[in-house]
PDB file of N, CA and C in Angstrom:
ATOM      1  N   MET A   1      44.348  41.538   9.653  1.00  0.00           N
ATOM      2  CA  MET A   1      45.698  42.046   9.484  1.00  0.00           C
ATOM      3  C   MET A   1      46.637  41.207  10.346  1.00  0.00           C
ATOM      4  N   SER A   2      47.764  40.887   9.799  1.00  0.00           N
ATOM      5  CA  SER A   2      48.775  40.157  10.558  1.00  0.00           C
ATOM      6  C   SER A   2      50.114  40.865  10.403  1.00  0.00           C
ATOM      7  N   ARG A   3      51.014  40.561  11.318  1.00  0.00           N
ATOM      8  CA  ARG A   3      52.306  41.232  11.293  1.00  0.00           C
ATOM      9  C   ARG A   3      53.413  40.295  11.711  1.00  0.00           C
ATOM     10  N   ALA A   4      54.641  40.689  11.382  1.00  0.00           N
ATOM     11  CA  ALA A   4      55.835  39.953  11.780  1.00  0.00           C
ATOM     12  C   ALA A   4      56.910  40.969  12.132  1.00  0.00           C
ATOM     13  N   LEU A   5      57.655  40.676  13.186  1.00  0.00           N
ATOM     14  CA  LEU A   5      58.704  41.575  13.668  1.00  0.00           C
ATOM     15  C   LEU A   5      59.994  40.788  13.818  1.00  0.00           C
ATOM     16  N   LEU A   6      61.036  41.272  13.182  1.00  0.00           N
ATOM     17  CA  LEU A   6      62.364  40.681  13.303  1.00  0.00           C
ATOM     18  C   LEU A   6      63.252  41.699  13.986  1.00  0.00           C
ATOM     19  N   ARG A   7      63.838  41.324  15.115  1.00  0.00           N
ATOM     20  CA  ARG A   7      64.590  42.284  15.922  1.00  0.00           C
ATOM     21  C   ARG A   7      66.091  42.000  15.868  1.00  0.00           C
ATOM     22  N   PHE A   8      66.868  43.068  15.988  1.00  0.00           N
ATOM     23  CA  PHE A   8      68.329  43.027  16.063  1.00  0.00           C
ATOM     24  C   PHE A   8      68.960  42.309  14.870  1.00  0.00           C
ATOM     25  N   VAL A   9      68.524  42.690  13.662  1.00  0.00           N
ATOM     26  CA  VAL A   9      69.090  42.142  12.440  1.00  0.00           C
ATOM     27  C   VAL A   9      70.368  42.899  12.130  1.00  0.00           C
ATOM     28  N   ARG A  10      71.386  42.207  11.720  1.00  0.00           N
ATOM     29  CA  ARG A  10      72.692  42.815  11.476  1.00  0.00           C
ATOM     30  C   ARG A  10      72.759  43.430  10.085  1.00  0.00           C
ATOM     31  N   VAL A  11      71.934  44.460   9.871  1.00  0.00           N
ATOM     32  CA  VAL A  11      71.940  45.218   8.629  1.00  0.00           C
ATOM     33  C   VAL A  11      71.651  46.674   8.993  1.00  0.00           C
ATOM     34  N   SER A  12      72.268  47.589   8.281  1.00  0.00           N
ATOM     35  CA  SER A  12      72.096  49.006   8.572  1.00  0.00           C
ATOM     36  C   SER A  12      70.656  49.438   8.288  1.00  0.00           C
ATOM     37  N   PRO A  13      70.023  50.200   9.186  1.00  0.00           N
ATOM     38  CA  PRO A  13      68.646  50.624   8.942  1.00  0.00           C
ATOM     39  C   PRO A  13      68.518  51.548   7.731  1.00  0.00           C
ATOM     40  N   ILE A  14      69.531  52.336   7.442  1.00  0.00           N
ATOM     41  CA  ILE A  14      69.479  53.237   6.294  1.00  0.00           C
ATOM     42  C   ILE A  14      69.425  52.430   4.994  1.00  0.00           C
ATOM     43  N   LYS A  15      70.225  51.370   4.922  1.00  0.00           N
ATOM     44  CA  LYS A  15      70.235  50.530   3.724  1.00  0.00           C
ATOM     45  C   LYS A  15      68.968  49.681   3.621  1.00  0.00           C
ATOM     46  N   ALA A  16      68.452  49.238   4.751  1.00  0.00           N
ATOM     47  CA  ALA A  16      67.241  48.412   4.732  1.00  0.00           C
ATOM     48  C   ALA A  16      66.009  49.236   4.370  1.00  0.00           C
ATOM     49  N   ARG A  17      65.992  50.515   4.739  1.00  0.00           N
ATOM     50  CA  ARG A  17      64.843  51.368   4.414  1.00  0.00           C
ATOM     51  C   ARG A  17      64.693  51.576   2.914  1.00  0.00           C
ATOM     52  N   LEU A  18      65.796  51.559   2.175  1.00  0.00           N
ATOM     53  CA  LEU A  18      65.730  51.693   0.724  1.00  0.00           C
ATOM     54  C   LEU A  18      64.922  50.545   0.110  1.00  0.00           C
ATOM     55  N   VAL A  19      65.119  49.352   0.639  1.00  0.00           N
ATOM     56  CA  VAL A  19      64.393  48.187   0.149  1.00  0.00           C
ATOM     57  C   VAL A  19      62.953  48.208   0.663  1.00  0.00           C
ATOM     58  N   ALA A  20      62.754  48.603   1.914  1.00  0.00           N
ATOM     59  CA  ALA A  20      61.419  48.597   2.515  1.00  0.00           C
ATOM     60  C   ALA A  20      60.480  49.563   1.801  1.00  0.00           C
ATOM     61  N   ARG A  21      60.988  50.697   1.363  1.00  0.00           N
ATOM     62  CA  ARG A  21      60.148  51.666   0.652  1.00  0.00           C
ATOM     63  C   ARG A  21      59.688  51.133  -0.701  1.00  0.00           C
ATOM     64  N   GLU A  22      60.477  50.267  -1.309  1.00  0.00           N
ATOM     65  CA  GLU A  22      60.122  49.715  -2.612  1.00  0.00           C
ATOM     66  C   GLU A  22      58.912  48.789  -2.541  1.00  0.00           C
ATOM     67  N   VAL A  23      58.793  48.021  -1.455  1.00  0.00           N
ATOM     68  CA  VAL A  23      57.746  47.004  -1.379  1.00  0.00           C
ATOM     69  C   VAL A  23      56.492  47.471  -0.645  1.00  0.00           C
ATOM     70  N   GLN A  24      56.541  48.606   0.005  1.00  0.00           N
ATOM     71  CA  GLN A  24      55.392  49.074   0.777  1.00  0.00           C
ATOM     72  C   GLN A  24      54.212  49.373  -0.153  1.00  0.00           C
ATOM     73  N   GLY A  25      53.051  48.800   0.167  1.00  0.00           N
ATOM     74  CA  GLY A  25      51.859  48.993  -0.643  1.00  0.00           C
ATOM     75  C   GLY A  25      51.705  47.992  -1.769  1.00  0.00           C
ATOM     76  N   MET A  26      52.678  47.123  -1.969  1.00  0.00           N
ATOM     77  CA  MET A  26      52.622  46.130  -3.049  1.00  0.00           C
ATOM     78  C   MET A  26      51.852  44.891  -2.605  1.00  0.00           C
ATOM     79  N   ASN A  27      51.408  44.125  -3.580  1.00  0.00           N
ATOM     80  CA  ASN A  27      50.873  42.797  -3.325  1.00  0.00           C
ATOM     81  C   ASN A  27      52.030  41.939  -2.799  1.00  0.00           C
ATOM     82  N   ALA A  28      51.768  41.062  -1.841  1.00  0.00           N
ATOM     83  CA  ALA A  28      52.837  40.290  -1.212  1.00  0.00           C
ATOM     84  C   ALA A  28      53.526  39.356  -2.204  1.00  0.00           C
ATOM     85  N   GLU A  29      52.760  38.771  -3.123  1.00  0.00           N
ATOM     86  CA  GLU A  29      53.353  37.865  -4.103  1.00  0.00           C
ATOM     87  C   GLU A  29      54.303  38.616  -5.041  1.00  0.00           C
ATOM     88  N   LEU A  30      53.893  39.810  -5.490  1.00  0.00           N
ATOM     89  CA  LEU A  30      54.754  40.612  -6.357  1.00  0.00           C
ATOM     90  C   LEU A  30      55.980  41.127  -5.606  1.00  0.00           C
ATOM     91  N   ALA A  31      55.792  41.460  -4.341  1.00  0.00           N
ATOM     92  CA  ALA A  31      56.919  41.944  -3.536  1.00  0.00           C
ATOM     93  C   ALA A  31      57.960  40.849  -3.343  1.00  0.00           C
ATOM     94  N   LEU A  32      57.510  39.634  -3.051  1.00  0.00           N
ATOM     95  CA  LEU A  32      58.449  38.525  -2.873  1.00  0.00           C
ATOM     96  C   LEU A  32      59.200  38.225  -4.168  1.00  0.00           C
ATOM     97  N   ALA A  33      58.513  38.335  -5.301  1.00  0.00           N
ATOM     98  CA  ALA A  33      59.168  38.102  -6.588  1.00  0.00           C
ATOM     99  C   ALA A  33      60.191  39.193  -6.889  1.00  0.00           C
ATOM    100  N   ALA A  34      59.858  40.441  -6.555  1.00  0.00           N
ATOM    101  CA  ALA A  34      60.790  41.544  -6.802  1.00  0.00           C
ATOM    102  C   ALA A  34      62.012  41.456  -5.894  1.00  0.00           C
ATOM    103  N   LEU A  35      61.805  41.075  -4.634  1.00  0.00           N
ATOM    104  CA  LEU A  35      62.914  40.999  -3.680  1.00  0.00           C
ATOM    105  C   LEU A  35      63.881  39.875  -4.013  1.00  0.00           C
ATOM    106  N   GLU A  36      63.388  38.850  -4.683  1.00  0.00           N
ATOM    107  CA  GLU A  36      64.235  37.708  -5.020  1.00  0.00           C
ATOM    108  C   GLU A  36      65.383  38.109  -5.937  1.00  0.00           C
ATOM    109  N   PHE A  37      65.163  39.135  -6.769  1.00  0.00           N
ATOM    110  CA  PHE A  37      66.184  39.528  -7.739  1.00  0.00           C
ATOM    111  C   PHE A  37      66.939  40.789  -7.348  1.00  0.00           C
ATOM    112  N   MET A  38      66.714  41.307  -6.160  1.00  0.00           N
ATOM    113  CA  MET A  38      67.472  42.463  -5.689  1.00  0.00           C
ATOM    114  C   MET A  38      68.799  41.988  -5.102  1.00  0.00           C
ATOM    115  N   PRO A  39      69.886  42.696  -5.365  1.00  0.00           N
ATOM    116  CA  PRO A  39      71.192  42.247  -4.887  1.00  0.00           C
ATOM    117  C   PRO A  39      71.494  42.622  -3.432  1.00  0.00           C
ATOM    118  N   ASN A  40      70.607  43.372  -2.781  1.00  0.00           N
ATOM    119  CA  ASN A  40      70.879  43.855  -1.433  1.00  0.00           C
ATOM    120  C   ASN A  40      70.782  42.736  -0.395  1.00  0.00           C
ATOM    121  N   LYS A  41      71.561  42.854   0.656  1.00  0.00           N
ATOM    122  CA  LYS A  41      71.475  41.918   1.773  1.00  0.00           C
ATOM    123  C   LYS A  41      70.126  42.057   2.470  1.00  0.00           C
ATOM    124  N   ALA A  42      69.642  43.289   2.565  1.00  0.00           N
ATOM    125  CA  ALA A  42      68.372  43.546   3.251  1.00  0.00           C
ATOM    126  C   ALA A  42      67.191  42.952   2.494  1.00  0.00           C
ATOM    127  N   ALA A  43      67.298  42.784   1.191  1.00  0.00           N
ATOM    128  CA  ALA A  43      66.182  42.253   0.396  1.00  0.00           C
ATOM    129  C   ALA A  43      65.848  40.826   0.803  1.00  0.00           C
ATOM    130  N   LYS A  44      66.852  40.022   1.032  1.00  0.00           N
ATOM    131  CA  LYS A  44      66.623  38.631   1.445  1.00  0.00           C
ATOM    132  C   LYS A  44      65.994  38.586   2.833  1.00  0.00           C
ATOM    133  N   ILE A  45      66.453  39.448   3.720  1.00  0.00           N
ATOM    134  CA  ILE A  45      65.921  39.478   5.082  1.00  0.00           C
ATOM    135  C   ILE A  45      64.472  39.939   5.086  1.00  0.00           C
ATOM    136  N   ILE A  46      64.171  41.002   4.349  1.00  0.00           N
ATOM    137  CA  ILE A  46      62.814  41.533   4.321  1.00  0.00           C
ATOM    138  C   ILE A  46      61.855  40.550   3.660  1.00  0.00           C
ATOM    139  N   SER A  47      62.319  39.803   2.668  1.00  0.00           N
ATOM    140  CA  SER A  47      61.435  38.814   2.036  1.00  0.00           C
ATOM    141  C   SER A  47      61.049  37.712   3.020  1.00  0.00           C
ATOM    142  N   LYS A  48      61.965  37.331   3.902  1.00  0.00           N
ATOM    143  CA  LYS A  48      61.641  36.331   4.919  1.00  0.00           C
ATOM    144  C   LYS A  48      60.628  36.871   5.927  1.00  0.00           C
ATOM    145  N   VAL A  49      60.743  38.156   6.268  1.00  0.00           N
ATOM    146  CA  VAL A  49      59.799  38.753   7.212  1.00  0.00           C
ATOM    147  C   VAL A  49      58.414  38.866   6.572  1.00  0.00           C
ATOM    148  N   ILE A  50      58.362  39.208   5.280  1.00  0.00           N
ATOM    149  CA  ILE A  50      57.074  39.279   4.578  1.00  0.00           C
ATOM    150  C   ILE A  50      56.428  37.895   4.536  1.00  0.00           C
ATOM    151  N   ALA A  51      57.203  36.869   4.224  1.00  0.00           N
ATOM    152  CA  ALA A  51      56.674  35.503   4.196  1.00  0.00           C
ATOM    153  C   ALA A  51      56.159  35.089   5.565  1.00  0.00           C
ATOM    154  N   SER A  52      56.833  35.511   6.619  1.00  0.00           N
ATOM    155  CA  SER A  52      56.395  35.204   7.973  1.00  0.00           C
ATOM    156  C   SER A  52      55.091  35.910   8.318  1.00  0.00           C
ATOM    157  N   ALA A  53      54.962  37.174   7.908  1.00  0.00           N
ATOM    158  CA  ALA A  53      53.736  37.921   8.181  1.00  0.00           C
ATOM    159  C   ALA A  53      52.545  37.310   7.452  1.00  0.00           C
ATOM    160  N   VAL A  54      52.769  36.840   6.227  1.00  0.00           N
ATOM    161  CA  VAL A  54      51.703  36.193   5.463  1.00  0.00           C
ATOM    162  C   VAL A  54      51.291  34.889   6.147  1.00  0.00           C
ATOM    163  N   ALA A  55      52.275  34.115   6.600  1.00  0.00           N
ATOM    164  CA  ALA A  55      51.993  32.845   7.262  1.00  0.00           C
ATOM    165  C   ALA A  55      51.323  33.048   8.621  1.00  0.00           C
ATOM    166  N   ASN A  56      51.669  34.129   9.324  1.00  0.00           N
ATOM    167  CA  ASN A  56      51.067  34.395  10.635  1.00  0.00           C
ATOM    168  C   ASN A  56      49.563  34.615  10.539  1.00  0.00           C
ATOM    169  N   GLY A  57      49.102  35.138   9.418  1.00  0.00           N
ATOM    170  CA  GLY A  57      47.675  35.391   9.242  1.00  0.00           C
ATOM    171  C   GLY A  57      46.956  34.285   8.504  1.00  0.00           C
ATOM    172  N   ASP A  58      47.625  33.174   8.204  1.00  0.00           N
ATOM    173  CA  ASP A  58      47.059  32.062   7.434  1.00  0.00           C
ATOM    174  C   ASP A  58      46.510  32.524   6.089  1.00  0.00           C
ATOM    175  N   TYR A  59      47.267  33.385   5.406  1.00  0.00           N
ATOM    176  CA  TYR A  59      46.884  33.885   4.098  1.00  0.00           C
ATOM    177  C   TYR A  59      47.736  33.231   3.026  1.00  0.00           C
ATOM    178  N   GLU A  60      47.341  33.441   1.786  1.00  0.00           N
ATOM    179  CA  GLU A  60      48.175  33.114   0.632  1.00  0.00           C
ATOM    180  C   GLU A  60      48.797  34.429   0.156  1.00  0.00           C
ATOM    181  N   PRO A  61      50.031  34.411  -0.376  1.00  0.00           N
ATOM    182  CA  PRO A  61      50.689  35.669  -0.775  1.00  0.00           C
ATOM    183  C   PRO A  61      49.932  36.479  -1.815  1.00  0.00           C
ATOM    184  N   GLU A  62      49.155  35.818  -2.683  1.00  0.00           N
ATOM    185  CA  GLU A  62      48.458  36.559  -3.728  1.00  0.00           C
ATOM    186  C   GLU A  62      47.217  37.295  -3.231  1.00  0.00           C
ATOM    187  N   GLU A  63      46.769  37.003  -1.998  1.00  0.00           N
ATOM    188  CA  GLU A  63      45.536  37.641  -1.516  1.00  0.00           C
ATOM    189  C   GLU A  63      45.767  38.735  -0.480  1.00  0.00           C
ATOM    190  N   VAL A  64      47.030  39.117  -0.232  1.00  0.00           N
ATOM    191  CA  VAL A  64      47.301  40.164   0.763  1.00  0.00           C
ATOM    192  C   VAL A  64      48.153  41.282   0.165  1.00  0.00           C
ATOM    193  N   VAL A  65      48.072  42.450   0.816  1.00  0.00           N
ATOM    194  CA  VAL A  65      48.837  43.633   0.439  1.00  0.00           C
ATOM    195  C   VAL A  65      49.692  44.039   1.640  1.00  0.00           C
ATOM    196  N   ILE A  66      50.906  44.493   1.367  1.00  0.00           N
ATOM    197  CA  ILE A  66      51.791  44.959   2.442  1.00  0.00           C
ATOM    198  C   ILE A  66      51.356  46.372   2.818  1.00  0.00           C
ATOM    199  N   THR A  67      50.717  46.508   3.974  1.00  0.00           N
ATOM    200  CA  THR A  67      50.229  47.818   4.392  1.00  0.00           C
ATOM    201  C   THR A  67      51.334  48.646   5.022  1.00  0.00           C
ATOM    202  N   SER A  68      52.271  47.999   5.711  1.00  0.00           N
ATOM    203  CA  SER A  68      53.345  48.729   6.367  1.00  0.00           C
ATOM    204  C   SER A  68      54.606  47.879   6.369  1.00  0.00           C
ATOM    205  N   CYS A  69      55.711  48.484   5.991  1.00  0.00           N
ATOM    206  CA  CYS A  69      57.020  47.840   6.080  1.00  0.00           C
ATOM    207  C   CYS A  69      57.952  48.873   6.705  1.00  0.00           C
ATOM    208  N   ARG A  70      58.261  48.692   7.969  1.00  0.00           N
ATOM    209  CA  ARG A  70      58.990  49.705   8.723  1.00  0.00           C
ATOM    210  C   ARG A  70      60.329  49.148   9.198  1.00  0.00           C
ATOM    211  N   VAL A  71      61.363  49.972   9.114  1.00  0.00           N
ATOM    212  CA  VAL A  71      62.696  49.596   9.602  1.00  0.00           C
ATOM    213  C   VAL A  71      63.111  50.622  10.643  1.00  0.00           C
ATOM    214  N   ASP A  72      63.316  50.174  11.864  1.00  0.00           N
ATOM    215  CA  ASP A  72      63.712  51.047  12.964  1.00  0.00           C
ATOM    216  C   ASP A  72      65.148  50.755  13.375  1.00  0.00           C
ATOM    217  N   LYS A  73      65.777  51.766  13.944  1.00  0.00           N
ATOM    218  CA  LYS A  73      67.156  51.626  14.403  1.00  0.00           C
ATOM    219  C   LYS A  73      67.182  50.859  15.716  1.00  0.00           C
ATOM    220  N   ALA A  74      68.102  49.911  15.839  1.00  0.00           N
ATOM    221  CA  ALA A  74      68.279  49.150  17.070  1.00  0.00           C
ATOM    222  C   ALA A  74      69.640  49.522  17.662  1.00  0.00           C
ATOM    223  N   ALA A  75      70.077  48.771  18.652  1.00  0.00           N
ATOM    224  CA  ALA A  75      71.341  49.057  19.322  1.00  0.00           C
ATOM    225  C   ALA A  75      72.526  48.801  18.390  1.00  0.00           C
ATOM    226  N   TYR A  76      73.597  49.511  18.615  1.00  0.00           N
ATOM    227  CA  TYR A  76      74.830  49.303  17.868  1.00  0.00           C
ATOM    228  C   TYR A  76      75.655  48.215  18.540  1.00  0.00           C
ATOM    229  N   MET A  77      76.305  47.373  17.726  1.00  0.00           N
ATOM    230  CA  MET A  77      77.324  46.480  18.252  1.00  0.00           C
ATOM    231  C   MET A  77      78.613  47.293  18.290  1.00  0.00           C
ATOM    232  N   LYS A  78      79.251  47.363  19.441  1.00  0.00           N
ATOM    233  CA  LYS A  78      80.447  48.188  19.590  1.00  0.00           C
ATOM    234  C   LYS A  78      81.687  47.304  19.556  1.00  0.00           C
ATOM    235  N   ARG A  79      82.579  47.617  18.648  1.00  0.00           N
ATOM    236  CA  ARG A  79      83.844  46.901  18.511  1.00  0.00           C
ATOM    237  C   ARG A  79      84.970  47.927  18.533  1.00  0.00           C
ATOM    238  N   TRP A  80      86.201  47.471  18.627  1.00  0.00           N
ATOM    239  CA  TRP A  80      87.322  48.412  18.599  1.00  0.00           C
ATOM    240  C   TRP A  80      88.439  47.852  17.742  1.00  0.00           C
ATOM    241  N   ARG A  81      89.229  48.794  17.215  1.00  0.00           N
ATOM    242  CA  ARG A  81      90.351  48.450  16.352  1.00  0.00           C
ATOM    243  C   ARG A  81      91.609  49.102  16.920  1.00  0.00           C
ATOM    244  N   PRO A  82      92.682  48.338  17.103  1.00  0.00           N
ATOM    245  CA  PRO A  82      93.927  48.922  17.604  1.00  0.00           C
ATOM    246  C   PRO A  82      94.524  49.911  16.609  1.00  0.00           C
ATOM    247  N   ARG A  83      95.041  51.017  17.129  1.00  0.00           N
ATOM    248  CA  ARG A  83      95.657  52.046  16.292  1.00  0.00           C
ATOM    249  C   ARG A  83      97.060  52.359  16.835  1.00  0.00           C
ATOM    250  N   ALA A  84      97.656  53.353  16.272  1.00  0.00           N
ATOM    251  CA  ALA A  84      99.038  53.681  16.609  1.00  0.00           C
ATOM    252  C   ALA A  84      99.176  54.148  18.058  1.00  0.00           C
ATOM    253  N   ARG A  85     100.317  53.912  18.615  1.00  0.00           N
ATOM    254  CA  ARG A  85     100.714  54.355  19.953  1.00  0.00           C
ATOM    255  C   ARG A  85      99.796  53.832  21.054  1.00  0.00           C
ATOM    256  N   GLY A  86      99.301  52.629  20.878  1.00  0.00           N
ATOM    257  CA  GLY A  86      98.506  51.986  21.925  1.00  0.00           C
ATOM    258  C   GLY A  86      97.098  52.512  22.079  1.00  0.00           C
ATOM    259  N   THR A  87      96.607  53.284  21.135  1.00  0.00           N
ATOM    260  CA  THR A  87      95.236  53.788  21.240  1.00  0.00           C
ATOM    261  C   THR A  87      94.281  52.849  20.488  1.00  0.00           C
ATOM    262  N   ALA A  88      93.004  53.167  20.557  1.00  0.00           N
ATOM    263  CA  ALA A  88      91.999  52.332  19.891  1.00  0.00           C
ATOM    264  C   ALA A  88      90.939  53.228  19.275  1.00  0.00           C
ATOM    265  N   ASN A  89      90.382  52.775  18.156  1.00  0.00           N
ATOM    266  CA  ASN A  89      89.254  53.460  17.518  1.00  0.00           C
ATOM    267  C   ASN A  89      88.015  52.594  17.672  1.00  0.00           C
ATOM    268  N   ARG A  90      86.871  53.263  17.843  1.00  0.00           N
ATOM    269  CA  ARG A  90      85.607  52.549  17.949  1.00  0.00           C
ATOM    270  C   ARG A  90      85.075  52.208  16.576  1.00  0.00           C
ATOM    271  N   ILE A  91      84.481  51.027  16.460  1.00  0.00           N
ATOM    272  CA  ILE A  91      83.753  50.636  15.256  1.00  0.00           C
ATOM    273  C   ILE A  91      82.324  50.364  15.690  1.00  0.00           C
ATOM    274  N   LEU A  92      81.352  51.054  15.078  1.00  0.00           N
ATOM    275  CA  LEU A  92      79.942  50.867  15.398  1.00  0.00           C
ATOM    276  C   LEU A  92      79.284  50.068  14.285  1.00  0.00           C
ATOM    277  N   LYS A  93      78.733  48.916  14.636  1.00  0.00           N
ATOM    278  CA  LYS A  93      78.059  48.061  13.658  1.00  0.00           C
ATOM    279  C   LYS A  93      76.558  48.152  13.915  1.00  0.00           C
ATOM    280  N   PRO A  94      75.809  48.800  13.016  1.00  0.00           N
ATOM    281  CA  PRO A  94      74.393  49.042  13.272  1.00  0.00           C
ATOM    282  C   PRO A  94      73.532  47.786  13.117  1.00  0.00           C
ATOM    283  N   THR A  95      72.431  47.751  13.881  1.00  0.00           N
ATOM    284  CA  THR A  95      71.440  46.694  13.762  1.00  0.00           C
ATOM    285  C   THR A  95      70.065  47.333  13.583  1.00  0.00           C
ATOM    286  N   SER A  96      69.078  46.525  13.175  1.00  0.00           N
ATOM    287  CA  SER A  96      67.757  47.045  12.831  1.00  0.00           C
ATOM    288  C   SER A  96      66.656  46.171  13.406  1.00  0.00           C
ATOM    289  N   HIS A  97      65.473  46.771  13.553  1.00  0.00           N
ATOM    290  CA  HIS A  97      64.229  46.049  13.809  1.00  0.00           C
ATOM    291  C   HIS A  97      63.371  46.214  12.554  1.00  0.00           C
ATOM    292  N   ILE A  98      62.866  45.122  12.014  1.00  0.00           N
ATOM    293  CA  ILE A  98      62.042  45.169  10.796  1.00  0.00           C
ATOM    294  C   ILE A  98      60.638  44.693  11.137  1.00  0.00           C
ATOM    295  N   LEU A  99      59.639  45.545  10.862  1.00  0.00           N
ATOM    296  CA  LEU A  99      58.229  45.235  11.115  1.00  0.00           C
ATOM    297  C   LEU A  99      57.469  45.265   9.798  1.00  0.00           C
ATOM    298  N   VAL A 100      56.736  44.184   9.511  1.00  0.00           N
ATOM    299  CA  VAL A 100      55.930  44.101   8.295  1.00  0.00           C
ATOM    300  C   VAL A 100      54.495  43.772   8.696  1.00  0.00           C
ATOM    301  N   GLU A 101      53.546  44.565   8.168  1.00  0.00           N
ATOM    302  CA  GLU A 101      52.131  44.310   8.395  1.00  0.00           C
ATOM    303  C   GLU A 101      51.464  44.057   7.049  1.00  0.00           C
ATOM    304  N   VAL A 102      50.653  43.010   6.986  1.00  0.00           N
ATOM    305  CA  VAL A 102      49.907  42.698   5.767  1.00  0.00           C
ATOM    306  C   VAL A 102      48.421  42.642   6.092  1.00  0.00           C
ATOM    307  N   ALA A 103      47.603  42.968   5.091  1.00  0.00           N
ATOM    308  CA  ALA A 103      46.145  42.935   5.240  1.00  0.00           C
ATOM    309  C   ALA A 103      45.551  42.374   3.960  1.00  0.00           C
ATOM    310  N   PRO A 104      44.376  41.757   4.061  1.00  0.00           N
ATOM    311  CA  PRO A 104      43.753  41.214   2.844  1.00  0.00           C
ATOM    312  C   PRO A 104      43.445  42.320   1.836  1.00  0.00           C
ATOM    313  N   ALA A 105      43.650  42.004   0.571  1.00  0.00           N
ATOM    314  CA  ALA A 105      43.357  42.970  -0.505  1.00  0.00           C
ATOM    315  C   ALA A 105      41.866  42.940  -0.793  1.00  0.00           C
ATOM    316  N   ASN A 106      41.313  44.096  -1.158  1.00  0.00           N
ATOM    317  CA  ASN A 106      39.875  44.180  -1.457  1.00  0.00           C
ATOM    318  C   ASN A 106      39.541  43.596  -2.809  1.00  0.00           C
ATOM    319  N   ASN A 107      40.372  43.832  -3.820  1.00  0.00           N
ATOM    320  CA  ASN A 107      40.142  43.382  -5.198  1.00  0.00           C
ATOM    321  C   ASN A 107      38.808  43.864  -5.754  1.00  0.00           C
ATOM    322  N   GLY A 108      38.354  45.035  -5.292  1.00  0.00           N
ATOM    323  CA  GLY A 108      37.104  45.597  -5.788  1.00  0.00           C
ATOM    324  C   GLY A 108      35.857  45.007  -5.181  1.00  0.00           C
ATOM    325  N   LYS A 109      35.988  44.077  -4.222  1.00  0.00           N
ATOM    326  CA  LYS A 109      34.826  43.464  -3.587  1.00  0.00           C
ATOM    327  C   LYS A 109      34.603  44.062  -2.210  1.00  0.00           C
ATOM    328  N   ASP A 110      33.361  44.199  -1.813  1.00  0.00           N
ATOM    329  CA  ASP A 110      33.028  44.628  -0.465  1.00  0.00           C
ATOM    330  C   ASP A 110      32.670  43.396   0.348  1.00  0.00           C
ATOM    331  N   ALA A 111      33.447  43.152   1.380  1.00  0.00           N
ATOM    332  CA  ALA A 111      33.219  41.949   2.182  1.00  0.00           C
ATOM    333  C   ALA A 111      32.361  42.230   3.382  1.00  0.00           C
TER     334      ALA A 111
END
């Protein structure tokens, strides 16, 4: 089993989890093909993390399965916007940690 972790990505964890749930349990090659045609910003980021996890284990994408694709909440980037009468409003820009774990597929064989 190999894994890849990408920290402090500038994408909302709620939006990234929608994409992560789609690919969890899929073959890595099929997941990468599916993510290529998704319009989400998180899809491109998660596909890079999956490719990294596959490369970390010296596997080929067709021989591994995504066992876990997890998106955790990271720190917020805090910004402010000027408002009326000299006051300010806070703007919170969320970031995420993305963890992908892959393991070799059995394909019906006992190794």
